Amino acid sequence: MSSIAIHTVGQPFIIANAMAYMAFTDLEWLSDAELGLVCYAGKAHAIPYTQIELRRSRDNGRSWTGGKVIVNPQQLIDVRDPHLVRLKNGTLLVNYFLFRDTTDGIRSKVIASTNGGKTWSPPVTIETPLTWNATSGKIFEADDALLLMTVYGKKPGGKHDEAGLLESRDGGASWSNFRALAALPNADVSEAEIARVSDGSLVALIRVDPSRTGLRTTSSDNGKTWSVPEACPVGHAPGLLVDGPLLLINHRGAAADPKVIDYAGRATTISVSSDGGKTFAASLAIGPAAGADCAYGGIVKLPKGAAAQYFTSFYAPAGPEVYVFGQYFNVTVV
């Protein structure tokens, strides 16, 4: 069996610190030469009058523009957990949800840009059979005509959160065909992210609370049906990137033994799997010890000739405040 190791390149550095609580971040290439980052900006966790910002980098993440506000309700609303994707046709989509809203309640939203993020469409409100729904995973482009978005919430009369899936066949303008991904009788099943692994199947990693592990389910028919969920060592806020046979994950938690990932919420951690997320051959804490408030970041592969193979974003405490950080890293396989 190959040996896998993760090595940081340089030290973590601050990307966003304009407000006291900068968090819940994601990365995406806006073009071949420009990297984009979205994040939550507010005064604290889960507080009204928050906003979502977009920042740009043209030097592979080394320096960033100031934040451009792309979602700002200016009301007693908490807008949170933004995720950014660029579709094959160049359209940008950001999905997020409202946590405090006297009109919609807890509802997921999607906005779109066809000009590189200069302007954005009015938000599309997501409706499901759940009494409320939230989203916290990057929209996945399964093929040219099919987008998949994970959501979670409670069924009418339900006691625990359940994870589900919606599809769009019009580029994100509308979402329908809700179907379940995972549910448990005695635990909340919530945030999920999807990736296509090297064998062509889809993998979803899903958060479970309270738990030190998550759930993993797979699809061999482009997301129409999913396997019975099984326990997975990584379960909290995974940001996924597939690079050849490797599945890279930015998540919360670290362990003394790199082959046993402790879902304890101790630090932002990069983990690597060579079998589609069944097991993890290496993990490395990259941020400061942060308790339960950290991670939620994206990972991108950098172009050849860059100082590192990969770049990741995450959030973590910086003294009494919380900021968005960046970190370069390499993965070696021997």
C-alpha atoms as a PDB file:
ATOM      1  CA  MET A   1       0.000   0.000   0.000  1.00  0.00           C
ATOM      2  CA  SER A   2       1.251   3.516  -0.867  1.00  0.00           C
ATOM      3  CA  SER A   3       2.286   5.863   1.916  1.00  0.00           C
ATOM      4  CA  ILE A   4       0.654   9.315   1.835  1.00  0.00           C
ATOM      5  CA  ALA A   5       1.956  12.391   3.630  1.00  0.00           C
ATOM      6  CA  ILE A   6       0.705  15.989   3.865  1.00  0.00           C
ATOM      7  CA  HIS A   7       3.163  18.885   4.196  1.00  0.00           C
ATOM      8  CA  THR A   8       2.309  22.537   4.764  1.00  0.00           C
ATOM      9  CA  VAL A   9       4.172  25.120   2.687  1.00  0.00           C
ATOM     10  CA  GLY A  10       4.756  28.286   4.707  1.00  0.00           C
ATOM     11  CA  GLN A  11       2.552  29.467   7.556  1.00  0.00           C
ATOM     12  CA  PRO A  12      -1.192  30.122   7.592  1.00  0.00           C
ATOM     13  CA  PHE A  13      -2.002  33.750   6.798  1.00  0.00           C
ATOM     14  CA  ILE A  14      -5.042  35.995   7.166  1.00  0.00           C
ATOM     15  CA  ILE A  15      -7.228  36.520   4.099  1.00  0.00           C
ATOM     16  CA  ALA A  16     -10.226  38.306   5.623  1.00  0.00           C
ATOM     17  CA  ASN A  17     -10.414  40.286   8.889  1.00  0.00           C
ATOM     18  CA  ALA A  18     -12.647  43.254   8.050  1.00  0.00           C
ATOM     19  CA  MET A  19     -15.183  42.325  10.745  1.00  0.00           C
ATOM     20  CA  ALA A  20     -14.957  40.603  14.131  1.00  0.00           C
ATOM     21  CA  TYR A  21     -16.317  37.296  12.871  1.00  0.00           C
ATOM     22  CA  MET A  22     -15.240  36.177   9.378  1.00  0.00           C
ATOM     23  CA  ALA A  23     -16.087  32.529   8.761  1.00  0.00           C
ATOM     24  CA  PHE A  24     -17.758  29.806   6.647  1.00  0.00           C
ATOM     25  CA  THR A  25     -15.641  30.119   3.529  1.00  0.00           C
ATOM     26  CA  ASP A  26     -15.262  28.449   0.136  1.00  0.00           C
ATOM     27  CA  LEU A  27     -12.844  28.665  -2.814  1.00  0.00           C
ATOM     28  CA  GLU A  28     -13.359  28.431  -6.579  1.00  0.00           C
ATOM     29  CA  TRP A  29     -11.485  29.442  -9.716  1.00  0.00           C
ATOM     30  CA  LEU A  30     -13.418  32.368 -11.228  1.00  0.00           C
ATOM     31  CA  SER A  31     -11.300  31.988 -14.359  1.00  0.00           C
ATOM     32  CA  ASP A  32      -8.082  30.194 -15.232  1.00  0.00           C
ATOM     33  CA  ALA A  33      -6.138  33.105 -13.735  1.00  0.00           C
ATOM     34  CA  GLU A  34      -8.349  34.370 -10.919  1.00  0.00           C
ATOM     35  CA  LEU A  35      -9.260  32.660  -7.663  1.00  0.00           C
ATOM     36  CA  GLY A  36     -12.433  33.573  -5.775  1.00  0.00           C
ATOM     37  CA  LEU A  37     -13.330  33.225  -2.093  1.00  0.00           C
ATOM     38  CA  VAL A  38     -16.727  33.682  -0.446  1.00  0.00           C
ATOM     39  CA  CYS A  39     -17.203  34.041   3.300  1.00  0.00           C
ATOM     40  CA  TYR A  40     -19.570  35.083   6.073  1.00  0.00           C
ATOM     41  CA  ALA A  41     -18.957  38.513   7.597  1.00  0.00           C
ATOM     42  CA  GLY A  42     -20.510  39.611  10.877  1.00  0.00           C
ATOM     43  CA  LYS A  43     -19.923  40.568  14.477  1.00  0.00           C
ATOM     44  CA  ALA A  44     -20.371  37.063  15.922  1.00  0.00           C
ATOM     45  CA  HIS A  45     -21.608  33.554  15.157  1.00  0.00           C
ATOM     46  CA  ALA A  46     -25.330  33.290  14.325  1.00  0.00           C
ATOM     47  CA  ILE A  47     -26.193  36.935  14.778  1.00  0.00           C
ATOM     48  CA  PRO A  48     -28.459  39.244  12.718  1.00  0.00           C
ATOM     49  CA  TYR A  49     -27.185  41.848  10.245  1.00  0.00           C
ATOM     50  CA  THR A  50     -24.573  39.622   8.631  1.00  0.00           C
ATOM     51  CA  GLN A  51     -23.503  39.557   4.987  1.00  0.00           C
ATOM     52  CA  ILE A  52     -21.681  37.413   2.426  1.00  0.00           C
ATOM     53  CA  GLU A  53     -18.555  38.721   0.716  1.00  0.00           C
ATOM     54  CA  LEU A  54     -16.600  37.778  -2.419  1.00  0.00           C
ATOM     55  CA  ARG A  55     -12.838  38.335  -2.618  1.00  0.00           C
ATOM     56  CA  ARG A  56     -10.443  37.810  -5.549  1.00  0.00           C
ATOM     57  CA  SER A  57      -6.817  36.769  -6.010  1.00  0.00           C
ATOM     58  CA  ARG A  58      -4.718  36.814  -9.183  1.00  0.00           C
ATOM     59  CA  ASP A  59      -1.564  35.358  -7.599  1.00  0.00           C
ATOM     60  CA  ASN A  60      -2.802  31.898  -6.561  1.00  0.00           C
ATOM     61  CA  GLY A  61      -4.096  33.062  -3.188  1.00  0.00           C
ATOM     62  CA  ARG A  62      -1.122  35.081  -1.961  1.00  0.00           C
ATOM     63  CA  SER A  63      -2.911  38.452  -1.971  1.00  0.00           C
ATOM     64  CA  TRP A  64      -6.614  39.306  -2.068  1.00  0.00           C
ATOM     65  CA  THR A  65      -8.891  42.205  -2.903  1.00  0.00           C
ATOM     66  CA  GLY A  66     -11.141  43.684  -0.270  1.00  0.00           C
ATOM     67  CA  GLY A  67     -14.495  42.018   0.189  1.00  0.00           C
ATOM     68  CA  LYS A  68     -17.332  42.855  -2.199  1.00  0.00           C
ATOM     69  CA  VAL A  69     -20.711  42.320  -0.537  1.00  0.00           C
ATOM     70  CA  ILE A  70     -22.846  40.015  -2.686  1.00  0.00           C
ATOM     71  CA  VAL A  71     -25.576  39.211  -0.111  1.00  0.00           C
ATOM     72  CA  ASN A  72     -26.626  41.884   2.373  1.00  0.00           C
ATOM     73  CA  PRO A  73     -30.251  41.782   3.544  1.00  0.00           C
ATOM     74  CA  GLN A  74     -29.672  44.684   6.008  1.00  0.00           C
ATOM     75  CA  GLN A  75     -32.285  43.178   8.320  1.00  0.00           C
ATOM     76  CA  LEU A  76     -32.625  40.961  11.364  1.00  0.00           C
ATOM     77  CA  ILE A  77     -31.336  38.078   9.241  1.00  0.00           C
ATOM     78  CA  ASP A  78     -28.290  35.834   9.523  1.00  0.00           C
ATOM     79  CA  VAL A  79     -27.086  34.842   6.022  1.00  0.00           C
ATOM     80  CA  ARG A  80     -24.581  32.037   6.259  1.00  0.00           C
ATOM     81  CA  ASP A  81     -22.597  29.065   4.922  1.00  0.00           C
ATOM     82  CA  PRO A  82     -21.919  30.377   1.380  1.00  0.00           C
ATOM     83  CA  HIS A  83     -20.487  28.021  -1.236  1.00  0.00           C
ATOM     84  CA  LEU A  84     -19.187  28.997  -4.665  1.00  0.00           C
ATOM     85  CA  VAL A  85     -19.009  26.990  -7.895  1.00  0.00           C
ATOM     86  CA  ARG A  86     -18.103  27.841 -11.487  1.00  0.00           C
ATOM     87  CA  LEU A  87     -20.049  25.796 -14.023  1.00  0.00           C
ATOM     88  CA  LYS A  88     -18.543  24.558 -17.264  1.00  0.00           C
ATOM     89  CA  ASN A  89     -20.261  27.382 -19.144  1.00  0.00           C
ATOM     90  CA  GLY A  90     -18.643  29.974 -16.859  1.00  0.00           C
ATOM     91  CA  THR A  91     -21.709  30.806 -14.747  1.00  0.00           C
ATOM     92  CA  LEU A  92     -20.981  31.332 -11.052  1.00  0.00           C
ATOM     93  CA  LEU A  93     -23.444  30.058  -8.442  1.00  0.00           C
ATOM     94  CA  VAL A  94     -23.453  30.810  -4.718  1.00  0.00           C
ATOM     95  CA  ASN A  95     -25.738  28.840  -2.408  1.00  0.00           C
ATOM     96  CA  TYR A  96     -26.352  29.910   1.196  1.00  0.00           C
ATOM     97  CA  PHE A  97     -29.180  29.991   3.709  1.00  0.00           C
ATOM     98  CA  LEU A  98     -31.090  32.391   5.935  1.00  0.00           C
ATOM     99  CA  PHE A  99     -30.990  31.501   9.606  1.00  0.00           C
ATOM    100  CA  ARG A 100     -33.102  34.340  10.995  1.00  0.00           C
ATOM    101  CA  ASP A 101     -35.848  35.652   8.741  1.00  0.00           C
ATOM    102  CA  THR A 102     -39.362  36.601   9.777  1.00  0.00           C
ATOM    103  CA  THR A 103     -40.640  36.068   6.206  1.00  0.00           C
ATOM    104  CA  ASP A 104     -39.090  32.877   4.887  1.00  0.00           C
ATOM    105  CA  GLY A 105     -37.876  31.252   8.090  1.00  0.00           C
ATOM    106  CA  ILE A 106     -34.809  29.059   7.537  1.00  0.00           C
ATOM    107  CA  ARG A 107     -34.540  28.782   3.760  1.00  0.00           C
ATOM    108  CA  SER A 108     -31.776  28.017   1.289  1.00  0.00           C
ATOM    109  CA  LYS A 109     -31.045  30.484  -1.524  1.00  0.00           C
ATOM    110  CA  VAL A 110     -29.064  30.474  -4.782  1.00  0.00           C
ATOM    111  CA  ILE A 111     -27.707  33.481  -6.692  1.00  0.00           C
ATOM    112  CA  ALA A 112     -26.007  33.457 -10.103  1.00  0.00           C
ATOM    113  CA  SER A 113     -23.526  35.599 -12.033  1.00  0.00           C
ATOM    114  CA  THR A 114     -22.741  35.406 -15.748  1.00  0.00           C
ATOM    115  CA  ASN A 115     -20.086  38.131 -15.721  1.00  0.00           C
ATOM    116  CA  GLY A 116     -17.475  36.768 -13.343  1.00  0.00           C
ATOM    117  CA  GLY A 117     -19.153  37.962 -10.159  1.00  0.00           C
ATOM    118  CA  LYS A 118     -19.511  41.639 -11.100  1.00  0.00           C
ATOM    119  CA  THR A 119     -23.289  41.454 -10.718  1.00  0.00           C
ATOM    120  CA  TRP A 120     -25.618  38.806  -9.316  1.00  0.00           C
ATOM    121  CA  SER A 121     -29.164  37.661  -9.984  1.00  0.00           C
ATOM    122  CA  PRO A 122     -31.965  38.011  -7.425  1.00  0.00           C
ATOM    123  CA  PRO A 123     -31.924  34.998  -5.081  1.00  0.00           C
ATOM    124  CA  VAL A 124     -33.887  31.844  -5.871  1.00  0.00           C
ATOM    125  CA  THR A 125     -35.625  30.509  -2.749  1.00  0.00           C
ATOM    126  CA  ILE A 126     -35.439  26.732  -2.323  1.00  0.00           C
ATOM    127  CA  GLU A 127     -38.607  24.850  -1.414  1.00  0.00           C
ATOM    128  CA  THR A 128     -38.663  21.263  -0.135  1.00  0.00           C
ATOM    129  CA  PRO A 129     -41.034  18.913   1.742  1.00  0.00           C
ATOM    130  CA  LEU A 130     -39.092  19.795   4.908  1.00  0.00           C
ATOM    131  CA  THR A 131     -40.517  22.300   7.370  1.00  0.00           C
ATOM    132  CA  TRP A 132     -37.340  24.338   6.871  1.00  0.00           C
ATOM    133  CA  ASN A 133     -34.185  23.768   4.839  1.00  0.00           C
ATOM    134  CA  ALA A 134     -30.562  24.843   4.995  1.00  0.00           C
ATOM    135  CA  THR A 135     -27.571  24.190   2.741  1.00  0.00           C
ATOM    136  CA  SER A 136     -23.863  23.858   3.501  1.00  0.00           C
ATOM    137  CA  GLY A 137     -22.102  22.174   0.591  1.00  0.00           C
ATOM    138  CA  LYS A 138     -20.872  23.216  -2.844  1.00  0.00           C
ATOM    139  CA  ILE A 139     -23.349  22.748  -5.705  1.00  0.00           C
ATOM    140  CA  PHE A 140     -22.152  19.818  -7.822  1.00  0.00           C
ATOM    141  CA  GLU A 141     -22.282  19.833 -11.624  1.00  0.00           C
ATOM    142  CA  ALA A 142     -23.024  16.192 -12.451  1.00  0.00           C
ATOM    143  CA  ASP A 143     -23.132  16.825 -16.210  1.00  0.00           C
ATOM    144  CA  ASP A 144     -23.933  19.640 -18.657  1.00  0.00           C
ATOM    145  CA  ALA A 145     -27.641  19.449 -17.859  1.00  0.00           C
ATOM    146  CA  LEU A 146     -27.754  18.374 -14.210  1.00  0.00           C
ATOM    147  CA  LEU A 147     -26.814  20.212 -11.013  1.00  0.00           C
ATOM    148  CA  LEU A 148     -27.115  18.671  -7.545  1.00  0.00           C
ATOM    149  CA  MET A 149     -27.421  20.584  -4.267  1.00  0.00           C
ATOM    150  CA  THR A 150     -27.511  19.101  -0.786  1.00  0.00           C
ATOM    151  CA  VAL A 151     -29.923  20.476   1.812  1.00  0.00           C
ATOM    152  CA  TYR A 152     -31.019  19.483   5.291  1.00  0.00           C
ATOM    153  CA  GLY A 153     -33.881  20.129   7.685  1.00  0.00           C
ATOM    154  CA  LYS A 154     -36.750  18.487   9.552  1.00  0.00           C
ATOM    155  CA  LYS A 155     -39.754  16.712   8.134  1.00  0.00           C
ATOM    156  CA  PRO A 156     -43.144  17.766   9.529  1.00  0.00           C
ATOM    157  CA  GLY A 157     -43.369  16.223  13.000  1.00  0.00           C
ATOM    158  CA  GLY A 158     -39.737  15.057  12.856  1.00  0.00           C
ATOM    159  CA  LYS A 159     -37.371  15.201  15.831  1.00  0.00           C
ATOM    160  CA  HIS A 160     -34.053  15.204  13.984  1.00  0.00           C
ATOM    161  CA  ASP A 161     -32.504  16.862  10.946  1.00  0.00           C
ATOM    162  CA  GLU A 162     -32.309  14.820   7.742  1.00  0.00           C
ATOM    163  CA  ALA A 163     -30.034  15.297   4.739  1.00  0.00           C
ATOM    164  CA  GLY A 164     -31.509  15.472   1.265  1.00  0.00           C
ATOM    165  CA  LEU A 165     -30.727  16.339  -2.328  1.00  0.00           C
ATOM    166  CA  LEU A 166     -32.272  18.586  -4.990  1.00  0.00           C
ATOM    167  CA  GLU A 167     -31.587  18.842  -8.712  1.00  0.00           C
ATOM    168  CA  SER A 168     -31.648  21.636 -11.259  1.00  0.00           C
ATOM    169  CA  ARG A 169     -31.805  21.206 -15.025  1.00  0.00           C
ATOM    170  CA  ASP A 170     -31.899  24.903 -15.896  1.00  0.00           C
ATOM    171  CA  GLY A 171     -28.537  26.086 -14.596  1.00  0.00           C
ATOM    172  CA  GLY A 172     -29.710  26.745 -11.047  1.00  0.00           C
ATOM    173  CA  ALA A 173     -32.763  28.873 -11.874  1.00  0.00           C
ATOM    174  CA  SER A 174     -35.087  26.311 -10.271  1.00  0.00           C
ATOM    175  CA  TRP A 175     -34.654  23.277  -8.015  1.00  0.00           C
ATOM    176  CA  SER A 176     -36.894  20.217  -7.616  1.00  0.00           C
ATOM    177  CA  ASN A 177     -37.059  16.421  -7.272  1.00  0.00           C
ATOM    178  CA  PHE A 178     -36.130  16.350  -3.582  1.00  0.00           C
ATOM    179  CA  ARG A 179     -34.901  12.967  -2.359  1.00  0.00           C
ATOM    180  CA  ALA A 180     -33.373  11.744   0.869  1.00  0.00           C
ATOM    181  CA  LEU A 181     -29.659  11.171   1.352  1.00  0.00           C
ATOM    182  CA  ALA A 182     -29.504  10.060   4.977  1.00  0.00           C
ATOM    183  CA  ALA A 183     -31.450  10.050   8.249  1.00  0.00           C
ATOM    184  CA  LEU A 184     -30.905   8.486  11.677  1.00  0.00           C
ATOM    185  CA  PRO A 185     -33.481   7.800  14.431  1.00  0.00           C
ATOM    186  CA  ASN A 186     -31.481   9.334  17.289  1.00  0.00           C
ATOM    187  CA  ALA A 187     -29.169  11.931  15.734  1.00  0.00           C
ATOM    188  CA  ASP A 188     -29.195  15.000  13.504  1.00  0.00           C
ATOM    189  CA  VAL A 189     -27.948  14.366   9.969  1.00  0.00           C
ATOM    190  CA  SER A 190     -27.180  17.614   8.200  1.00  0.00           C
ATOM    191  CA  GLU A 191     -24.375  19.163   6.123  1.00  0.00           C
ATOM    192  CA  ALA A 192     -23.283  17.149   3.088  1.00  0.00           C
ATOM    193  CA  GLU A 193     -20.886  17.663   0.193  1.00  0.00           C
ATOM    194  CA  ILE A 194     -20.617  15.682  -3.060  1.00  0.00           C
ATOM    195  CA  ALA A 195     -17.611  14.763  -5.209  1.00  0.00           C
ATOM    196  CA  ARG A 196     -16.986  12.455  -8.172  1.00  0.00           C
ATOM    197  CA  VAL A 197     -14.163  10.076  -7.278  1.00  0.00           C
ATOM    198  CA  SER A 198     -11.738   8.316  -9.587  1.00  0.00           C
ATOM    199  CA  ASP A 199     -13.936   5.292 -10.334  1.00  0.00           C
ATOM    200  CA  GLY A 200     -16.647   7.591 -11.720  1.00  0.00           C
ATOM    201  CA  SER A 201     -19.101   7.222  -8.837  1.00  0.00           C
ATOM    202  CA  LEU A 202     -20.396  10.059  -6.683  1.00  0.00           C
ATOM    203  CA  VAL A 203     -19.561  10.204  -2.974  1.00  0.00           C
ATOM    204  CA  ALA A 204     -21.391  12.267  -0.357  1.00  0.00           C
ATOM    205  CA  LEU A 205     -19.866  12.864   3.086  1.00  0.00           C
ATOM    206  CA  ILE A 206     -22.413  13.928   5.689  1.00  0.00           C
ATOM    207  CA  ARG A 207     -22.275  15.460   9.171  1.00  0.00           C
ATOM    208  CA  VAL A 208     -23.891  13.689  12.148  1.00  0.00           C
ATOM    209  CA  ASP A 209     -24.561  15.255  15.568  1.00  0.00           C
ATOM    210  CA  PRO A 210     -23.761  14.233  18.209  1.00  0.00           C
ATOM    211  CA  SER A 211     -21.007  12.037  16.811  1.00  0.00           C
ATOM    212  CA  ARG A 212     -17.273  11.779  16.263  1.00  0.00           C
ATOM    213  CA  THR A 213     -17.863  10.291  12.832  1.00  0.00           C
ATOM    214  CA  GLY A 214     -20.051  11.061   9.845  1.00  0.00           C
ATOM    215  CA  LEU A 215     -21.840   9.144   7.111  1.00  0.00           C
ATOM    216  CA  ARG A 216     -20.770   8.206   3.597  1.00  0.00           C
ATOM    217  CA  THR A 217     -23.082   7.268   0.758  1.00  0.00           C
ATOM    218  CA  THR A 218     -22.364   6.646  -2.934  1.00  0.00           C
ATOM    219  CA  SER A 219     -24.200   6.791  -6.254  1.00  0.00           C
ATOM    220  CA  SER A 220     -23.349   4.922  -9.463  1.00  0.00           C
ATOM    221  CA  ASP A 221     -26.126   6.526 -11.533  1.00  0.00           C
ATOM    222  CA  ASN A 222     -25.208  10.225 -11.372  1.00  0.00           C
ATOM    223  CA  GLY A 223     -27.134  10.900  -8.192  1.00  0.00           C
ATOM    224  CA  LYS A 224     -30.471   9.253  -9.000  1.00  0.00           C
ATOM    225  CA  THR A 225     -30.091   6.663  -6.256  1.00  0.00           C
ATOM    226  CA  TRP A 226     -27.727   6.375  -3.298  1.00  0.00           C
ATOM    227  CA  SER A 227     -26.363   3.506  -1.237  1.00  0.00           C
ATOM    228  CA  VAL A 228     -27.359   2.851   2.360  1.00  0.00           C
ATOM    229  CA  PRO A 229     -25.225   5.333   4.370  1.00  0.00           C
ATOM    230  CA  GLU A 230     -22.299   3.854   6.293  1.00  0.00           C
ATOM    231  CA  ALA A 231     -20.116   5.297   9.037  1.00  0.00           C
ATOM    232  CA  CYS A 232     -17.239   7.467   7.836  1.00  0.00           C
ATOM    233  CA  PRO A 233     -14.269   8.710   9.914  1.00  0.00           C
ATOM    234  CA  VAL A 234     -14.685  12.265   8.574  1.00  0.00           C
ATOM    235  CA  GLY A 235     -18.007  13.889   9.164  1.00  0.00           C
ATOM    236  CA  HIS A 236     -17.794  17.556  10.053  1.00  0.00           C
ATOM    237  CA  ALA A 237     -17.821  20.302   7.417  1.00  0.00           C
ATOM    238  CA  PRO A 238     -15.838  18.603   4.671  1.00  0.00           C
ATOM    239  CA  GLY A 239     -14.595  20.695   1.775  1.00  0.00           C
ATOM    240  CA  LEU A 240     -13.783  18.199  -0.982  1.00  0.00           C
ATOM    241  CA  LEU A 241     -11.338  18.129  -3.887  1.00  0.00           C
ATOM    242  CA  VAL A 242     -10.643  15.124  -6.106  1.00  0.00           C
ATOM    243  CA  ASP A 243      -7.205  14.997  -7.735  1.00  0.00           C
ATOM    244  CA  GLY A 244      -6.695  11.753  -9.651  1.00  0.00           C
ATOM    245  CA  PRO A 245      -7.022   8.840  -7.219  1.00  0.00           C
ATOM    246  CA  LEU A 246      -6.904  11.122  -4.155  1.00  0.00           C
ATOM    247  CA  LEU A 247      -9.837  12.651  -2.279  1.00  0.00           C
ATOM    248  CA  LEU A 248      -8.684  15.678  -0.250  1.00  0.00           C
ATOM    249  CA  ILE A 249     -10.843  17.003   2.581  1.00  0.00           C
ATOM    250  CA  ASN A 250     -10.813  20.176   4.662  1.00  0.00           C
ATOM    251  CA  HIS A 251     -12.716  19.382   7.853  1.00  0.00           C
ATOM    252  CA  ARG A 252     -12.894  19.917  11.593  1.00  0.00           C
ATOM    253  CA  GLY A 253     -10.937  17.646  13.917  1.00  0.00           C
ATOM    254  CA  ALA A 254      -7.544  15.974  14.197  1.00  0.00           C
ATOM    255  CA  ALA A 255      -6.023  12.861  15.716  1.00  0.00           C
ATOM    256  CA  ALA A 256      -2.705  11.697  17.092  1.00  0.00           C
ATOM    257  CA  ASP A 257      -2.839   8.670  14.807  1.00  0.00           C
ATOM    258  CA  PRO A 258      -3.142   9.983  11.213  1.00  0.00           C
ATOM    259  CA  LYS A 259      -5.056   6.863  10.185  1.00  0.00           C
ATOM    260  CA  VAL A 260      -7.783   7.416  12.798  1.00  0.00           C
ATOM    261  CA  ILE A 261      -9.444  10.789  12.462  1.00  0.00           C
ATOM    262  CA  ASP A 262     -10.961  12.053  15.714  1.00  0.00           C
ATOM    263  CA  TYR A 263     -14.150  14.026  15.110  1.00  0.00           C
ATOM    264  CA  ALA A 264     -13.486  16.181  18.147  1.00  0.00           C
ATOM    265  CA  GLY A 265     -13.513  19.651  16.628  1.00  0.00           C
ATOM    266  CA  ARG A 266     -10.000  20.521  17.755  1.00  0.00           C
ATOM    267  CA  ALA A 267      -8.519  22.189  14.664  1.00  0.00           C
ATOM    268  CA  THR A 268      -8.932  22.647  10.929  1.00  0.00           C
ATOM    269  CA  THR A 269      -7.544  19.506   9.360  1.00  0.00           C
ATOM    270  CA  ILE A 270      -6.599  18.295   5.889  1.00  0.00           C
ATOM    271  CA  SER A 271      -7.154  14.579   5.320  1.00  0.00           C
ATOM    272  CA  VAL A 272      -6.467  12.426   2.268  1.00  0.00           C
ATOM    273  CA  SER A 273      -8.155   9.224   1.098  1.00  0.00           C
ATOM    274  CA  SER A 274      -7.099   6.954  -1.754  1.00  0.00           C
ATOM    275  CA  ASP A 275     -10.276   4.825  -1.705  1.00  0.00           C
ATOM    276  CA  GLY A 276     -13.018   7.392  -2.201  1.00  0.00           C
ATOM    277  CA  GLY A 277     -13.474   8.267   1.455  1.00  0.00           C
ATOM    278  CA  LYS A 278     -13.806   4.762   2.913  1.00  0.00           C
ATOM    279  CA  THR A 279     -10.578   5.218   4.871  1.00  0.00           C
ATOM    280  CA  PHE A 280      -8.058   8.031   5.298  1.00  0.00           C
ATOM    281  CA  ALA A 281      -4.342   7.426   4.990  1.00  0.00           C
ATOM    282  CA  ALA A 282      -3.152  10.793   6.316  1.00  0.00           C
ATOM    283  CA  SER A 283      -4.401  13.830   8.217  1.00  0.00           C
ATOM    284  CA  LEU A 284      -2.713  17.021   9.341  1.00  0.00           C
ATOM    285  CA  ALA A 285      -3.958  19.875  11.529  1.00  0.00           C
ATOM    286  CA  ILE A 286      -3.180  23.119   9.689  1.00  0.00           C
ATOM    287  CA  GLY A 287      -4.750  25.766  11.897  1.00  0.00           C
ATOM    288  CA  PRO A 288      -4.604  26.739  15.560  1.00  0.00           C
ATOM    289  CA  ALA A 289      -6.487  24.693  18.121  1.00  0.00           C
ATOM    290  CA  ALA A 290      -9.969  26.116  17.937  1.00  0.00           C
ATOM    291  CA  GLY A 291     -12.438  23.964  19.830  1.00  0.00           C
ATOM    292  CA  ALA A 292     -15.656  23.660  17.902  1.00  0.00           C
ATOM    293  CA  ASP A 293     -15.330  26.875  15.867  1.00  0.00           C
ATOM    294  CA  CYS A 294     -13.103  26.374  12.823  1.00  0.00           C
ATOM    295  CA  ALA A 295     -12.680  24.775   9.361  1.00  0.00           C
ATOM    296  CA  TYR A 296     -15.457  25.194   6.745  1.00  0.00           C
ATOM    297  CA  GLY A 297     -13.062  25.809   3.883  1.00  0.00           C
ATOM    298  CA  GLY A 298     -12.484  24.934   0.250  1.00  0.00           C
ATOM    299  CA  ILE A 299      -9.483  23.381  -1.489  1.00  0.00           C
ATOM    300  CA  VAL A 300      -8.182  24.175  -4.982  1.00  0.00           C
ATOM    301  CA  LYS A 301      -5.384  22.678  -7.036  1.00  0.00           C
ATOM    302  CA  LEU A 302      -2.798  25.245  -8.092  1.00  0.00           C
ATOM    303  CA  PRO A 303      -1.311  25.497 -11.595  1.00  0.00           C
ATOM    304  CA  LYS A 304       2.012  23.901 -12.437  1.00  0.00           C
ATOM    305  CA  GLY A 305       4.937  26.026 -11.351  1.00  0.00           C
ATOM    306  CA  ALA A 306       3.186  27.393  -8.252  1.00  0.00           C
ATOM    307  CA  ALA A 307       4.962  27.241  -4.891  1.00  0.00           C
ATOM    308  CA  ALA A 308       2.666  24.393  -3.738  1.00  0.00           C
ATOM    309  CA  GLN A 309       0.248  21.842  -5.171  1.00  0.00           C
ATOM    310  CA  TYR A 310      -2.822  22.999  -3.261  1.00  0.00           C
ATOM    311  CA  PHE A 311      -4.324  25.977  -1.480  1.00  0.00           C
ATOM    312  CA  THR A 312      -7.033  25.838   1.177  1.00  0.00           C
ATOM    313  CA  SER A 313      -9.111  28.381   3.082  1.00  0.00           C
ATOM    314  CA  PHE A 314     -10.502  27.995   6.587  1.00  0.00           C
ATOM    315  CA  TYR A 315     -11.628  30.055   9.546  1.00  0.00           C
ATOM    316  CA  ALA A 316     -10.178  30.053  13.058  1.00  0.00           C
ATOM    317  CA  PRO A 317      -9.789  32.260  16.141  1.00  0.00           C
ATOM    318  CA  ALA A 318      -7.246  35.086  16.035  1.00  0.00           C
ATOM    319  CA  GLY A 319      -7.225  36.281  19.616  1.00  0.00           C
ATOM    320  CA  PRO A 320     -10.741  37.386  20.624  1.00  0.00           C
ATOM    321  CA  GLU A 321     -11.901  37.583  16.983  1.00  0.00           C
ATOM    322  CA  VAL A 322     -12.351  35.038  14.188  1.00  0.00           C
ATOM    323  CA  TYR A 323     -10.814  35.437  10.723  1.00  0.00           C
ATOM    324  CA  VAL A 324     -10.499  33.627   7.400  1.00  0.00           C
ATOM    325  CA  PHE A 325      -7.048  32.114   6.761  1.00  0.00           C
ATOM    326  CA  GLY A 326      -5.230  30.566   3.829  1.00  0.00           C
ATOM    327  CA  GLN A 327      -2.676  27.750   3.775  1.00  0.00           C
ATOM    328  CA  TYR A 328      -0.569  26.184   1.004  1.00  0.00           C
ATOM    329  CA  PHE A 329       0.228  22.475   1.194  1.00  0.00           C
ATOM    330  CA  ASN A 330       1.591  19.487  -0.727  1.00  0.00           C
ATOM    331  CA  VAL A 331       0.624  15.810  -0.734  1.00  0.00           C
ATOM    332  CA  THR A 332       3.223  13.152  -1.472  1.00  0.00           C
ATOM    333  CA  VAL A 333       2.527   9.531  -2.359  1.00  0.00           C
ATOM    334  CA  VAL A 334       5.371   7.013  -2.036  1.00  0.00           C
END
